[in-house]
Amino acid sequence: MSGIFGVITGGKYNSEKLATKMAKAMCHREWYVSEIYEDRNLALSLGRIGIGIFNPKSQPVWNDDHTVGLFMAGEFINPDFSNTGVNFMGSNENRALLFYEKYGKEFPRYFKGSFIVTILDLNLNRVIIANDRFGLYPTYYTTQKIPFLFAPEIKGILCDTSFEKRLDLTALAQYMRFQHLLGTRTFFENIELLPNASVLEYDLVKGEYTINS
């Protein structure tokens, strides 16, 4: 599935090696597109995977001073951005980048469409993950803070051999009773689904994250 993925290791091991392994596990066809950006100083790697139709431009997309980089999967359908005060011409990625620079982590509220966005803000030492109001691009993340991983498929997270695979018994009970899982649970403890219409903000200095919906 198209989406974004990332590894924040806190310096414990090579983030790019794991990110490359994740991308390979989630590339189901030889024509899938995957790109990875590594920052060794921050001990992280971020990437995107997709079929290259809605987002053909190479990523990450950077602002003018190369302090804010963006990965994105999806598209916007807003017919008019004229009441926002932002020049909306350009690609979907450039639009998201401009709105982030103007509105910060509140930028997703100005967009309609189906999308998942990851932003690396080098000025604030933050990684921002934001999705659309319906969560049409599923994104899973580890509730453990270091290492912190996220991906559009659980199999991407399970590429980390240090991750302890434990069955979530509550999730199993939900599935046996309702034939589906409730809320953000998955079948694994310490892996959750990012809620729709959410912004996850990861503090690279503190090694902590918050989620706002």
N, C-alpha and C. Protein backbone atom coordinates (compact mmCIF):
# COMPACT_ATOMS: atom_id res chain seq x y z
N MET A 1 0.83 -1.20 0.00
CA MET A 1 0.00 0.00 0.00
C MET A 1 0.86 1.25 0.00
N SER A 2 0.45 2.28 -0.75
CA SER A 2 1.18 3.54 -0.76
C SER A 2 1.14 4.19 0.61
N GLY A 3 2.20 4.89 0.95
CA GLY A 3 2.23 5.57 2.24
C GLY A 3 3.61 6.05 2.59
N ILE A 4 3.78 6.40 3.85
CA ILE A 4 5.06 6.89 4.35
C ILE A 4 5.54 5.96 5.47
N PHE A 5 6.84 5.94 5.66
CA PHE A 5 7.39 5.10 6.71
C PHE A 5 8.63 5.77 7.27
N GLY A 6 9.03 5.31 8.46
CA GLY A 6 10.20 5.93 9.06
C GLY A 6 10.74 5.14 10.23
N VAL A 7 11.99 5.44 10.56
CA VAL A 7 12.69 4.80 11.67
C VAL A 7 13.43 5.89 12.43
N ILE A 8 13.16 5.99 13.72
CA ILE A 8 13.90 6.91 14.60
C ILE A 8 14.54 6.04 15.67
N THR A 9 15.85 5.90 15.61
CA THR A 9 16.53 4.91 16.45
C THR A 9 17.12 5.47 17.73
N GLY A 10 17.27 6.80 17.81
CA GLY A 10 17.96 7.35 18.98
C GLY A 10 19.43 7.00 18.99
N GLY A 11 19.98 6.64 17.83
CA GLY A 11 21.39 6.31 17.72
C GLY A 11 21.73 4.88 18.08
N LYS A 12 20.72 4.04 18.28
CA LYS A 12 21.00 2.67 18.72
C LYS A 12 21.53 1.79 17.59
N TYR A 13 21.09 2.03 16.34
CA TYR A 13 21.59 1.25 15.22
C TYR A 13 21.33 2.00 13.93
N ASN A 14 21.74 1.42 12.81
CA ASN A 14 21.67 2.06 11.50
C ASN A 14 20.22 2.16 11.04
N SER A 15 19.70 3.37 11.02
CA SER A 15 18.29 3.55 10.65
C SER A 15 18.07 3.29 9.17
N GLU A 16 19.03 3.65 8.32
CA GLU A 16 18.85 3.49 6.87
C GLU A 16 18.78 2.01 6.49
N LYS A 17 19.57 1.19 7.14
CA LYS A 17 19.55 -0.25 6.84
C LYS A 17 18.18 -0.83 7.12
N LEU A 18 17.59 -0.46 8.26
CA LEU A 18 16.26 -0.96 8.60
C LEU A 18 15.22 -0.37 7.66
N ALA A 19 15.32 0.92 7.35
CA ALA A 19 14.35 1.56 6.44
C ALA A 19 14.39 0.91 5.06
N THR A 20 15.57 0.57 4.60
CA THR A 20 15.70 -0.11 3.31
C THR A 20 15.03 -1.49 3.35
N LYS A 21 15.20 -2.18 4.45
CA LYS A 21 14.57 -3.49 4.63
C LYS A 21 13.05 -3.35 4.65
N MET A 22 12.56 -2.30 5.31
CA MET A 22 11.12 -2.05 5.36
C MET A 22 10.57 -1.79 3.96
N ALA A 23 11.27 -0.94 3.20
CA ALA A 23 10.81 -0.60 1.86
C ALA A 23 10.74 -1.85 0.98
N LYS A 24 11.74 -2.69 1.07
CA LYS A 24 11.77 -3.91 0.27
C LYS A 24 10.61 -4.83 0.63
N ALA A 25 10.28 -4.92 1.92
CA ALA A 25 9.19 -5.79 2.36
C ALA A 25 7.83 -5.30 1.88
N MET A 26 7.70 -3.99 1.66
CA MET A 26 6.41 -3.42 1.29
C MET A 26 6.29 -3.11 -0.19
N CYS A 27 7.33 -3.35 -0.97
CA CYS A 27 7.27 -3.17 -2.43
C CYS A 27 6.72 -4.47 -3.04
N HIS A 28 5.45 -4.49 -3.34
CA HIS A 28 4.81 -5.71 -3.80
C HIS A 28 4.92 -5.92 -5.31
N ARG A 29 5.34 -4.90 -6.04
CA ARG A 29 5.55 -5.00 -7.48
C ARG A 29 6.86 -4.32 -7.82
N GLU A 30 7.50 -4.77 -8.88
CA GLU A 30 8.81 -4.23 -9.24
C GLU A 30 8.73 -2.77 -9.67
N TRP A 31 7.54 -2.29 -10.03
CA TRP A 31 7.40 -0.91 -10.47
C TRP A 31 6.99 0.03 -9.33
N TYR A 32 6.93 -0.48 -8.11
CA TYR A 32 6.68 0.40 -6.97
C TYR A 32 7.82 1.40 -6.82
N VAL A 33 7.49 2.58 -6.36
CA VAL A 33 8.48 3.63 -6.12
C VAL A 33 8.74 3.74 -4.63
N SER A 34 10.00 3.76 -4.25
CA SER A 34 10.34 3.98 -2.85
C SER A 34 11.56 4.90 -2.77
N GLU A 35 11.54 5.79 -1.80
CA GLU A 35 12.64 6.73 -1.59
C GLU A 35 12.89 6.87 -0.10
N ILE A 36 14.15 7.02 0.26
CA ILE A 36 14.53 7.10 1.67
C ILE A 36 15.50 8.26 1.88
N TYR A 37 15.25 9.02 2.94
CA TYR A 37 16.17 10.08 3.36
C TYR A 37 16.72 9.73 4.72
N GLU A 38 18.04 9.80 4.87
CA GLU A 38 18.68 9.48 6.14
C GLU A 38 19.36 10.72 6.71
N ASP A 39 19.22 10.92 8.01
CA ASP A 39 19.94 11.95 8.74
C ASP A 39 20.68 11.27 9.88
N ARG A 40 21.97 11.07 9.70
CA ARG A 40 22.73 10.33 10.71
C ARG A 40 22.87 11.11 12.01
N ASN A 41 22.91 12.43 11.92
CA ASN A 41 23.01 13.23 13.15
C ASN A 41 21.78 13.07 14.02
N LEU A 42 20.62 12.96 13.40
CA LEU A 42 19.36 12.78 14.14
C LEU A 42 19.00 11.31 14.32
N ALA A 43 19.80 10.43 13.75
CA ALA A 43 19.58 8.98 13.87
C ALA A 43 18.20 8.58 13.39
N LEU A 44 17.85 9.05 12.19
CA LEU A 44 16.55 8.72 11.63
C LEU A 44 16.62 8.52 10.13
N SER A 45 15.66 7.80 9.63
CA SER A 45 15.44 7.65 8.20
C SER A 45 13.95 7.75 7.93
N LEU A 46 13.58 8.52 6.93
CA LEU A 46 12.18 8.70 6.54
C LEU A 46 12.04 8.33 5.08
N GLY A 47 10.87 7.81 4.71
CA GLY A 47 10.69 7.42 3.32
C GLY A 47 9.24 7.39 2.90
N ARG A 48 9.07 7.10 1.63
CA ARG A 48 7.72 6.93 1.11
C ARG A 48 7.74 5.77 0.12
N ILE A 49 6.56 5.19 -0.07
CA ILE A 49 6.41 4.08 -0.99
C ILE A 49 5.09 4.27 -1.72
N GLY A 50 5.06 3.94 -3.00
CA GLY A 50 3.83 4.12 -3.75
C GLY A 50 3.97 3.64 -5.18
N ILE A 51 2.95 3.93 -5.98
CA ILE A 51 2.93 3.49 -7.37
C ILE A 51 3.35 4.61 -8.32
N GLY A 52 3.64 5.78 -7.79
CA GLY A 52 4.21 6.85 -8.60
C GLY A 52 3.25 7.58 -9.51
N ILE A 53 1.94 7.52 -9.22
CA ILE A 53 0.96 8.21 -10.07
C ILE A 53 0.60 9.57 -9.50
N PHE A 54 0.10 9.59 -8.25
CA PHE A 54 -0.32 10.86 -7.65
C PHE A 54 0.88 11.71 -7.20
N ASN A 55 1.98 11.08 -6.93
CA ASN A 55 3.14 11.80 -6.39
C ASN A 55 4.40 11.44 -7.18
N PRO A 56 4.46 11.85 -8.46
CA PRO A 56 5.59 11.47 -9.30
C PRO A 56 6.88 12.24 -8.98
N LYS A 57 6.77 13.37 -8.31
CA LYS A 57 7.93 14.19 -8.01
C LYS A 57 8.82 13.51 -6.98
N SER A 58 10.14 13.62 -7.16
CA SER A 58 11.08 13.02 -6.22
C SER A 58 10.91 13.64 -4.83
N GLN A 59 11.02 12.82 -3.80
CA GLN A 59 10.86 13.26 -2.42
C GLN A 59 12.08 12.84 -1.60
N PRO A 60 12.38 13.54 -0.50
CA PRO A 60 11.57 14.59 0.11
C PRO A 60 11.64 15.90 -0.67
N VAL A 61 10.60 16.71 -0.50
CA VAL A 61 10.56 18.06 -1.04
C VAL A 61 10.98 19.01 0.08
N TRP A 62 11.90 19.92 -0.22
CA TRP A 62 12.45 20.81 0.81
C TRP A 62 12.02 22.26 0.58
N ASN A 63 11.98 23.03 1.66
CA ASN A 63 11.76 24.46 1.53
C ASN A 63 13.04 25.13 1.04
N ASP A 64 12.99 26.44 0.88
CA ASP A 64 14.11 27.15 0.25
C ASP A 64 15.42 27.03 1.03
N ASP A 65 15.36 27.06 2.36
CA ASP A 65 16.59 27.00 3.13
C ASP A 65 16.93 25.60 3.63
N HIS A 66 16.20 24.61 3.09
CA HIS A 66 16.50 23.21 3.36
C HIS A 66 16.42 22.87 4.86
N THR A 67 15.46 23.47 5.53
CA THR A 67 15.25 23.19 6.96
C THR A 67 13.97 22.40 7.21
N VAL A 68 13.10 22.32 6.22
CA VAL A 68 11.85 21.56 6.35
C VAL A 68 11.70 20.66 5.13
N GLY A 69 11.65 19.35 5.38
CA GLY A 69 11.49 18.39 4.30
C GLY A 69 10.19 17.63 4.45
N LEU A 70 9.63 17.20 3.32
CA LEU A 70 8.30 16.60 3.34
C LEU A 70 8.23 15.37 2.45
N PHE A 71 7.64 14.31 3.00
CA PHE A 71 7.23 13.14 2.23
C PHE A 71 5.71 13.10 2.23
N MET A 72 5.14 12.66 1.11
CA MET A 72 3.68 12.64 1.03
C MET A 72 3.21 11.54 0.10
N ALA A 73 2.07 10.95 0.43
CA ALA A 73 1.34 10.07 -0.47
C ALA A 73 -0.10 10.56 -0.51
N GLY A 74 -0.67 10.65 -1.71
CA GLY A 74 -2.06 11.08 -1.82
C GLY A 74 -2.21 12.35 -2.63
N GLU A 75 -3.38 12.96 -2.50
CA GLU A 75 -3.67 14.18 -3.26
C GLU A 75 -4.71 15.02 -2.54
N PHE A 76 -4.73 16.31 -2.90
CA PHE A 76 -5.72 17.25 -2.37
C PHE A 76 -6.76 17.52 -3.43
N ILE A 77 -7.99 17.78 -2.99
CA ILE A 77 -9.07 18.06 -3.93
C ILE A 77 -9.68 19.43 -3.69
N ASN A 78 -9.03 20.26 -2.88
CA ASN A 78 -9.57 21.58 -2.60
C ASN A 78 -9.75 22.36 -3.89
N PRO A 79 -10.94 22.88 -4.16
CA PRO A 79 -11.13 23.65 -5.39
C PRO A 79 -10.56 25.07 -5.30
N ASP A 80 -10.36 25.58 -4.09
CA ASP A 80 -9.96 26.98 -3.96
C ASP A 80 -9.22 27.20 -2.65
N PHE A 81 -7.99 27.73 -2.74
CA PHE A 81 -7.21 28.08 -1.56
C PHE A 81 -7.13 29.60 -1.37
N SER A 82 -7.94 30.35 -2.11
CA SER A 82 -7.77 31.80 -2.16
C SER A 82 -8.01 32.49 -0.82
N ASN A 83 -8.78 31.89 0.08
CA ASN A 83 -9.07 32.53 1.36
C ASN A 83 -8.04 32.21 2.43
N THR A 84 -6.95 31.55 2.05
CA THR A 84 -5.93 31.16 3.03
C THR A 84 -4.73 32.08 3.04
N GLY A 85 -4.58 32.89 2.00
CA GLY A 85 -3.42 33.77 1.94
C GLY A 85 -2.15 33.08 1.51
N VAL A 86 -2.27 31.87 0.97
CA VAL A 86 -1.09 31.12 0.53
C VAL A 86 -1.19 30.90 -0.98
N ASN A 87 -0.06 31.11 -1.67
CA ASN A 87 0.00 30.81 -3.10
C ASN A 87 -0.12 29.31 -3.28
N PHE A 88 -1.22 28.87 -3.89
CA PHE A 88 -1.52 27.44 -3.92
C PHE A 88 -1.10 26.77 -5.21
N MET A 89 -0.40 27.48 -6.10
CA MET A 89 0.05 26.86 -7.34
C MET A 89 1.17 25.87 -7.06
N GLY A 90 1.23 24.82 -7.85
CA GLY A 90 2.30 23.86 -7.69
C GLY A 90 1.77 22.48 -7.34
N SER A 91 2.68 21.59 -7.03
CA SER A 91 2.33 20.21 -6.73
C SER A 91 1.66 20.09 -5.37
N ASN A 92 1.07 18.94 -5.12
CA ASN A 92 0.48 18.67 -3.81
C ASN A 92 1.51 18.81 -2.70
N GLU A 93 2.72 18.30 -2.96
CA GLU A 93 3.77 18.36 -1.96
C GLU A 93 4.17 19.79 -1.63
N ASN A 94 4.29 20.62 -2.66
CA ASN A 94 4.64 22.02 -2.43
C ASN A 94 3.54 22.77 -1.69
N ARG A 95 2.30 22.44 -1.99
CA ARG A 95 1.18 23.05 -1.27
C ARG A 95 1.26 22.73 0.21
N ALA A 96 1.45 21.45 0.52
CA ALA A 96 1.53 21.04 1.93
C ALA A 96 2.69 21.72 2.63
N LEU A 97 3.82 21.84 1.96
CA LEU A 97 5.00 22.46 2.55
C LEU A 97 4.74 23.94 2.83
N LEU A 98 4.12 24.64 1.88
CA LEU A 98 3.82 26.06 2.08
C LEU A 98 2.86 26.26 3.25
N PHE A 99 1.85 25.41 3.33
CA PHE A 99 0.87 25.56 4.40
C PHE A 99 1.48 25.22 5.76
N TYR A 100 2.39 24.25 5.79
CA TYR A 100 3.05 23.94 7.05
C TYR A 100 3.89 25.12 7.52
N GLU A 101 4.59 25.75 6.62
CA GLU A 101 5.43 26.89 7.00
C GLU A 101 4.59 28.07 7.48
N LYS A 102 3.37 28.17 6.99
CA LYS A 102 2.51 29.28 7.40
C LYS A 102 1.71 28.96 8.67
N TYR A 103 1.19 27.73 8.77
CA TYR A 103 0.26 27.39 9.83
C TYR A 103 0.80 26.37 10.83
N GLY A 104 2.02 25.88 10.62
CA GLY A 104 2.57 24.90 11.53
C GLY A 104 1.79 23.59 11.48
N LYS A 105 1.71 22.90 12.61
CA LYS A 105 1.06 21.59 12.63
C LYS A 105 -0.45 21.65 12.47
N GLU A 106 -1.01 22.85 12.36
CA GLU A 106 -2.45 23.00 12.09
C GLU A 106 -2.75 22.92 10.60
N PHE A 107 -1.72 22.76 9.77
CA PHE A 107 -1.90 22.84 8.31
C PHE A 107 -2.90 21.83 7.75
N PRO A 108 -3.06 20.61 8.30
CA PRO A 108 -3.97 19.65 7.65
C PRO A 108 -5.42 20.10 7.60
N ARG A 109 -5.83 20.96 8.52
CA ARG A 109 -7.24 21.37 8.55
C ARG A 109 -7.65 22.14 7.29
N TYR A 110 -6.66 22.63 6.54
CA TYR A 110 -6.97 23.41 5.35
C TYR A 110 -7.11 22.54 4.10
N PHE A 111 -6.92 21.24 4.24
CA PHE A 111 -6.92 20.38 3.08
C PHE A 111 -8.05 19.36 3.12
N LYS A 112 -8.64 19.12 1.94
CA LYS A 112 -9.55 18.01 1.73
C LYS A 112 -8.89 17.06 0.75
N GLY A 113 -9.20 15.79 0.90
CA GLY A 113 -8.60 14.82 0.00
C GLY A 113 -8.21 13.57 0.75
N SER A 114 -7.37 12.76 0.15
CA SER A 114 -6.84 11.56 0.79
C SER A 114 -5.32 11.69 0.79
N PHE A 115 -4.73 11.70 1.99
CA PHE A 115 -3.30 11.95 2.05
C PHE A 115 -2.72 11.49 3.39
N ILE A 116 -1.43 11.26 3.36
CA ILE A 116 -0.62 11.06 4.56
C ILE A 116 0.68 11.82 4.32
N VAL A 117 1.09 12.60 5.30
CA VAL A 117 2.24 13.48 5.15
C VAL A 117 3.19 13.28 6.32
N THR A 118 4.49 13.25 6.02
CA THR A 118 5.51 13.28 7.05
C THR A 118 6.39 14.50 6.82
N ILE A 119 6.61 15.27 7.87
CA ILE A 119 7.42 16.48 7.78
C ILE A 119 8.56 16.38 8.79
N LEU A 120 9.76 16.64 8.31
CA LEU A 120 10.93 16.76 9.17
C LEU A 120 11.27 18.24 9.31
N ASP A 121 11.11 18.77 10.51
CA ASP A 121 11.40 20.18 10.78
C ASP A 121 12.72 20.26 11.54
N LEU A 122 13.77 20.66 10.84
CA LEU A 122 15.10 20.71 11.45
C LEU A 122 15.24 21.90 12.39
N ASN A 123 14.42 22.92 12.23
CA ASN A 123 14.46 24.06 13.14
C ASN A 123 13.92 23.69 14.51
N LEU A 124 12.86 22.91 14.54
CA LEU A 124 12.20 22.55 15.80
C LEU A 124 12.59 21.15 16.28
N ASN A 125 13.39 20.44 15.50
CA ASN A 125 13.73 19.05 15.85
C ASN A 125 12.47 18.22 16.08
N ARG A 126 11.60 18.26 15.11
CA ARG A 126 10.33 17.56 15.17
C ARG A 126 10.11 16.74 13.90
N VAL A 127 9.41 15.62 14.05
CA VAL A 127 8.84 14.89 12.93
C VAL A 127 7.33 14.94 13.08
N ILE A 128 6.65 15.39 12.04
CA ILE A 128 5.20 15.52 12.06
C ILE A 128 4.60 14.50 11.09
N ILE A 129 3.61 13.77 11.57
CA ILE A 129 2.86 12.85 10.70
C ILE A 129 1.40 13.26 10.75
N ALA A 130 0.82 13.54 9.59
CA ALA A 130 -0.57 14.01 9.55
C ALA A 130 -1.33 13.28 8.46
N ASN A 131 -2.59 12.95 8.75
CA ASN A 131 -3.41 12.26 7.75
C ASN A 131 -4.71 13.00 7.51
N ASP A 132 -5.47 12.51 6.53
CA ASP A 132 -6.73 13.16 6.18
C ASP A 132 -7.82 12.81 7.19
N ARG A 133 -8.96 13.43 7.04
CA ARG A 133 -10.03 13.30 8.04
C ARG A 133 -10.66 11.91 8.10
N PHE A 134 -10.43 11.10 7.05
CA PHE A 134 -10.98 9.74 7.06
C PHE A 134 -9.90 8.68 7.24
N GLY A 135 -8.65 9.07 7.31
CA GLY A 135 -7.57 8.10 7.48
C GLY A 135 -7.48 7.12 6.33
N LEU A 136 -7.58 7.62 5.10
CA LEU A 136 -7.64 6.75 3.92
C LEU A 136 -6.29 6.12 3.57
N TYR A 137 -5.22 6.64 4.14
CA TYR A 137 -3.91 6.01 4.00
C TYR A 137 -3.51 5.46 5.37
N PRO A 138 -3.83 4.21 5.66
CA PRO A 138 -3.53 3.67 6.98
C PRO A 138 -2.04 3.79 7.31
N THR A 139 -1.76 4.16 8.55
CA THR A 139 -0.38 4.27 9.02
C THR A 139 -0.31 3.68 10.42
N TYR A 140 0.57 2.72 10.58
CA TYR A 140 0.76 2.05 11.87
C TYR A 140 2.04 2.57 12.52
N TYR A 141 2.05 2.63 13.82
CA TYR A 141 3.22 3.13 14.53
C TYR A 141 3.42 2.34 15.82
N THR A 142 4.64 2.38 16.31
CA THR A 142 4.96 1.68 17.56
C THR A 142 4.73 2.62 18.73
N THR A 143 4.08 2.12 19.76
CA THR A 143 3.86 2.95 20.95
C THR A 143 5.13 3.09 21.77
N GLN A 144 6.12 2.23 21.52
CA GLN A 144 7.42 2.42 22.16
C GLN A 144 8.07 3.67 21.55
N LYS A 145 8.79 4.41 22.36
CA LYS A 145 9.30 5.71 21.92
C LYS A 145 10.66 5.62 21.26
N ILE A 146 11.49 4.65 21.67
CA ILE A 146 12.80 4.41 21.06
C ILE A 146 13.01 2.90 20.98
N PRO A 147 13.26 2.35 19.79
CA PRO A 147 13.12 3.03 18.50
C PRO A 147 11.64 3.26 18.16
N PHE A 148 11.40 4.30 17.40
CA PHE A 148 10.05 4.63 16.98
C PHE A 148 9.95 4.33 15.49
N LEU A 149 8.96 3.53 15.12
CA LEU A 149 8.78 3.14 13.72
C LEU A 149 7.34 3.39 13.29
N PHE A 150 7.17 3.71 12.03
CA PHE A 150 5.84 3.83 11.46
C PHE A 150 5.88 3.38 10.00
N ALA A 151 4.75 2.88 9.51
CA ALA A 151 4.70 2.32 8.16
C ALA A 151 3.25 2.13 7.74
N PRO A 152 2.99 2.03 6.42
CA PRO A 152 1.62 1.80 5.96
C PRO A 152 1.18 0.35 6.11
N GLU A 153 2.11 -0.55 6.43
CA GLU A 153 1.78 -1.94 6.67
C GLU A 153 2.50 -2.41 7.93
N ILE A 154 1.85 -3.25 8.70
CA ILE A 154 2.45 -3.77 9.93
C ILE A 154 3.71 -4.56 9.60
N LYS A 155 3.73 -5.21 8.45
CA LYS A 155 4.91 -6.00 8.10
C LYS A 155 6.16 -5.13 8.01
N GLY A 156 5.99 -3.86 7.71
CA GLY A 156 7.14 -2.96 7.69
C GLY A 156 7.74 -2.81 9.07
N ILE A 157 6.90 -2.65 10.08
CA ILE A 157 7.39 -2.52 11.46
C ILE A 157 8.02 -3.82 11.93
N LEU A 158 7.45 -4.93 11.53
CA LEU A 158 7.97 -6.22 11.97
C LEU A 158 9.33 -6.55 11.34
N CYS A 159 9.80 -5.72 10.42
CA CYS A 159 11.15 -5.89 9.89
C CYS A 159 12.21 -5.64 10.96
N ASP A 160 11.84 -4.93 12.01
CA ASP A 160 12.75 -4.68 13.11
C ASP A 160 12.83 -5.93 13.98
N THR A 161 13.93 -6.64 13.90
CA THR A 161 14.06 -7.90 14.63
C THR A 161 14.10 -7.70 16.13
N SER A 162 14.35 -6.47 16.58
CA SER A 162 14.38 -6.21 18.02
C SER A 162 12.98 -5.99 18.58
N PHE A 163 11.99 -5.82 17.69
CA PHE A 163 10.62 -5.61 18.15
C PHE A 163 10.06 -6.92 18.70
N GLU A 164 9.56 -6.89 19.91
CA GLU A 164 9.02 -8.08 20.55
C GLU A 164 7.57 -8.30 20.13
N LYS A 165 7.33 -9.37 19.40
CA LYS A 165 5.99 -9.67 18.89
C LYS A 165 5.15 -10.32 19.99
N ARG A 166 4.17 -9.59 20.50
CA ARG A 166 3.27 -10.11 21.52
C ARG A 166 1.83 -9.90 21.07
N LEU A 167 1.05 -10.98 21.13
CA LEU A 167 -0.34 -10.91 20.72
C LEU A 167 -1.13 -10.05 21.70
N ASP A 168 -1.93 -9.14 21.15
CA ASP A 168 -2.83 -8.32 21.96
C ASP A 168 -4.10 -9.14 22.20
N LEU A 169 -4.27 -9.63 23.40
CA LEU A 169 -5.39 -10.52 23.71
C LEU A 169 -6.74 -9.80 23.65
N THR A 170 -6.73 -8.50 23.97
CA THR A 170 -7.98 -7.73 23.86
C THR A 170 -8.39 -7.63 22.40
N ALA A 171 -7.41 -7.40 21.52
CA ALA A 171 -7.70 -7.34 20.09
C ALA A 171 -8.23 -8.67 19.59
N LEU A 172 -7.65 -9.75 20.07
CA LEU A 172 -8.12 -11.07 19.68
C LEU A 172 -9.57 -11.28 20.12
N ALA A 173 -9.89 -10.87 21.34
CA ALA A 173 -11.27 -11.00 21.84
C ALA A 173 -12.23 -10.16 21.01
N GLN A 174 -11.79 -8.96 20.63
CA GLN A 174 -12.64 -8.11 19.78
C GLN A 174 -12.93 -8.80 18.44
N TYR A 175 -11.89 -9.36 17.86
CA TYR A 175 -12.07 -10.00 16.55
C TYR A 175 -12.99 -11.22 16.65
N MET A 176 -12.82 -12.00 17.71
CA MET A 176 -13.66 -13.18 17.87
C MET A 176 -15.12 -12.80 18.07
N ARG A 177 -15.36 -11.66 18.72
CA ARG A 177 -16.74 -11.24 19.00
C ARG A 177 -17.35 -10.45 17.85
N PHE A 178 -16.59 -9.51 17.27
CA PHE A 178 -17.16 -8.59 16.29
C PHE A 178 -16.66 -8.82 14.86
N GLN A 179 -15.68 -9.71 14.69
CA GLN A 179 -15.07 -9.99 13.39
C GLN A 179 -14.28 -8.80 12.83
N HIS A 180 -13.95 -7.87 13.68
CA HIS A 180 -13.04 -6.78 13.31
C HIS A 180 -12.52 -6.13 14.59
N LEU A 181 -11.49 -5.34 14.44
CA LEU A 181 -10.90 -4.68 15.60
C LEU A 181 -11.53 -3.31 15.80
N LEU A 182 -11.56 -2.87 17.04
CA LEU A 182 -12.17 -1.59 17.38
C LEU A 182 -11.10 -0.53 17.60
N GLY A 183 -11.44 0.69 17.23
CA GLY A 183 -10.52 1.80 17.50
C GLY A 183 -9.21 1.67 16.75
N THR A 184 -8.13 1.88 17.47
CA THR A 184 -6.80 1.90 16.84
C THR A 184 -5.99 0.63 17.13
N ARG A 185 -6.62 -0.37 17.70
CA ARG A 185 -5.89 -1.59 18.05
C ARG A 185 -5.44 -2.36 16.81
N THR A 186 -4.36 -3.12 16.99
CA THR A 186 -3.93 -4.13 16.03
C THR A 186 -3.79 -5.44 16.79
N PHE A 187 -3.39 -6.48 16.10
CA PHE A 187 -3.21 -7.76 16.78
C PHE A 187 -1.91 -7.82 17.58
N PHE A 188 -1.10 -6.77 17.50
CA PHE A 188 0.16 -6.75 18.23
C PHE A 188 0.14 -5.69 19.32
N GLU A 189 0.63 -6.06 20.49
CA GLU A 189 0.86 -5.06 21.52
C GLU A 189 1.94 -4.10 21.02
N ASN A 190 1.81 -2.85 21.37
CA ASN A 190 2.78 -1.81 21.02
C ASN A 190 2.79 -1.42 19.55
N ILE A 191 1.76 -1.83 18.81
CA ILE A 191 1.56 -1.31 17.45
C ILE A 191 0.11 -0.82 17.37
N GLU A 192 -0.06 0.43 16.98
CA GLU A 192 -1.40 0.99 16.85
C GLU A 192 -1.57 1.66 15.50
N LEU A 193 -2.83 1.85 15.13
CA LEU A 193 -3.19 2.54 13.91
C LEU A 193 -3.36 4.02 14.20
N LEU A 194 -2.73 4.87 13.41
CA LEU A 194 -2.89 6.31 13.61
C LEU A 194 -4.34 6.69 13.37
N PRO A 195 -4.99 7.34 14.35
CA PRO A 195 -6.41 7.72 14.16
C PRO A 195 -6.58 8.66 12.97
N ASN A 196 -7.74 8.61 12.36
CA ASN A 196 -8.01 9.54 11.27
C ASN A 196 -8.05 10.97 11.79
N ALA A 197 -7.76 11.92 10.91
CA ALA A 197 -7.74 13.35 11.25
C ALA A 197 -6.83 13.63 12.43
N SER A 198 -5.63 13.08 12.38
CA SER A 198 -4.70 13.21 13.50
C SER A 198 -3.37 13.80 13.06
N VAL A 199 -2.69 14.40 14.02
CA VAL A 199 -1.33 14.89 13.83
C VAL A 199 -0.47 14.30 14.94
N LEU A 200 0.48 13.48 14.55
CA LEU A 200 1.44 12.93 15.49
C LEU A 200 2.70 13.78 15.43
N GLU A 201 3.14 14.26 16.59
CA GLU A 201 4.34 15.10 16.66
C GLU A 201 5.39 14.40 17.52
N TYR A 202 6.52 14.09 16.91
CA TYR A 202 7.59 13.40 17.61
C TYR A 202 8.72 14.38 17.89
N ASP A 203 9.06 14.51 19.17
CA ASP A 203 10.13 15.40 19.62
C ASP A 203 11.44 14.61 19.56
N LEU A 204 12.33 15.00 18.66
CA LEU A 204 13.58 14.27 18.47
C LEU A 204 14.57 14.49 19.62
N VAL A 205 14.39 15.55 20.38
CA VAL A 205 15.27 15.81 21.52
C VAL A 205 14.87 14.98 22.72
N LYS A 206 13.58 14.97 23.03
CA LYS A 206 13.07 14.24 24.18
C LYS A 206 12.81 12.77 23.90
N GLY A 207 12.68 12.42 22.61
CA GLY A 207 12.34 11.04 22.28
C GLY A 207 10.93 10.68 22.68
N GLU A 208 10.00 11.62 22.53
CA GLU A 208 8.61 11.42 22.93
C GLU A 208 7.67 11.92 21.82
N TYR A 209 6.45 11.40 21.82
CA TYR A 209 5.49 11.86 20.83
C TYR A 209 4.15 12.17 21.48
N THR A 210 3.39 13.01 20.79
CA THR A 210 2.02 13.33 21.19
C THR A 210 1.14 13.20 19.94
N ILE A 211 -0.14 12.91 20.15
CA ILE A 211 -1.09 12.82 19.05
C ILE A 211 -2.27 13.73 19.34
N ASN A 212 -2.59 14.58 18.38
CA ASN A 212 -3.74 15.47 18.50
C ASN A 212 -4.68 15.20 17.34
N SER A 213 -5.96 15.12 17.65
CA SER A 213 -6.97 14.85 16.60
C SER A 213 -7.83 16.09 16.39
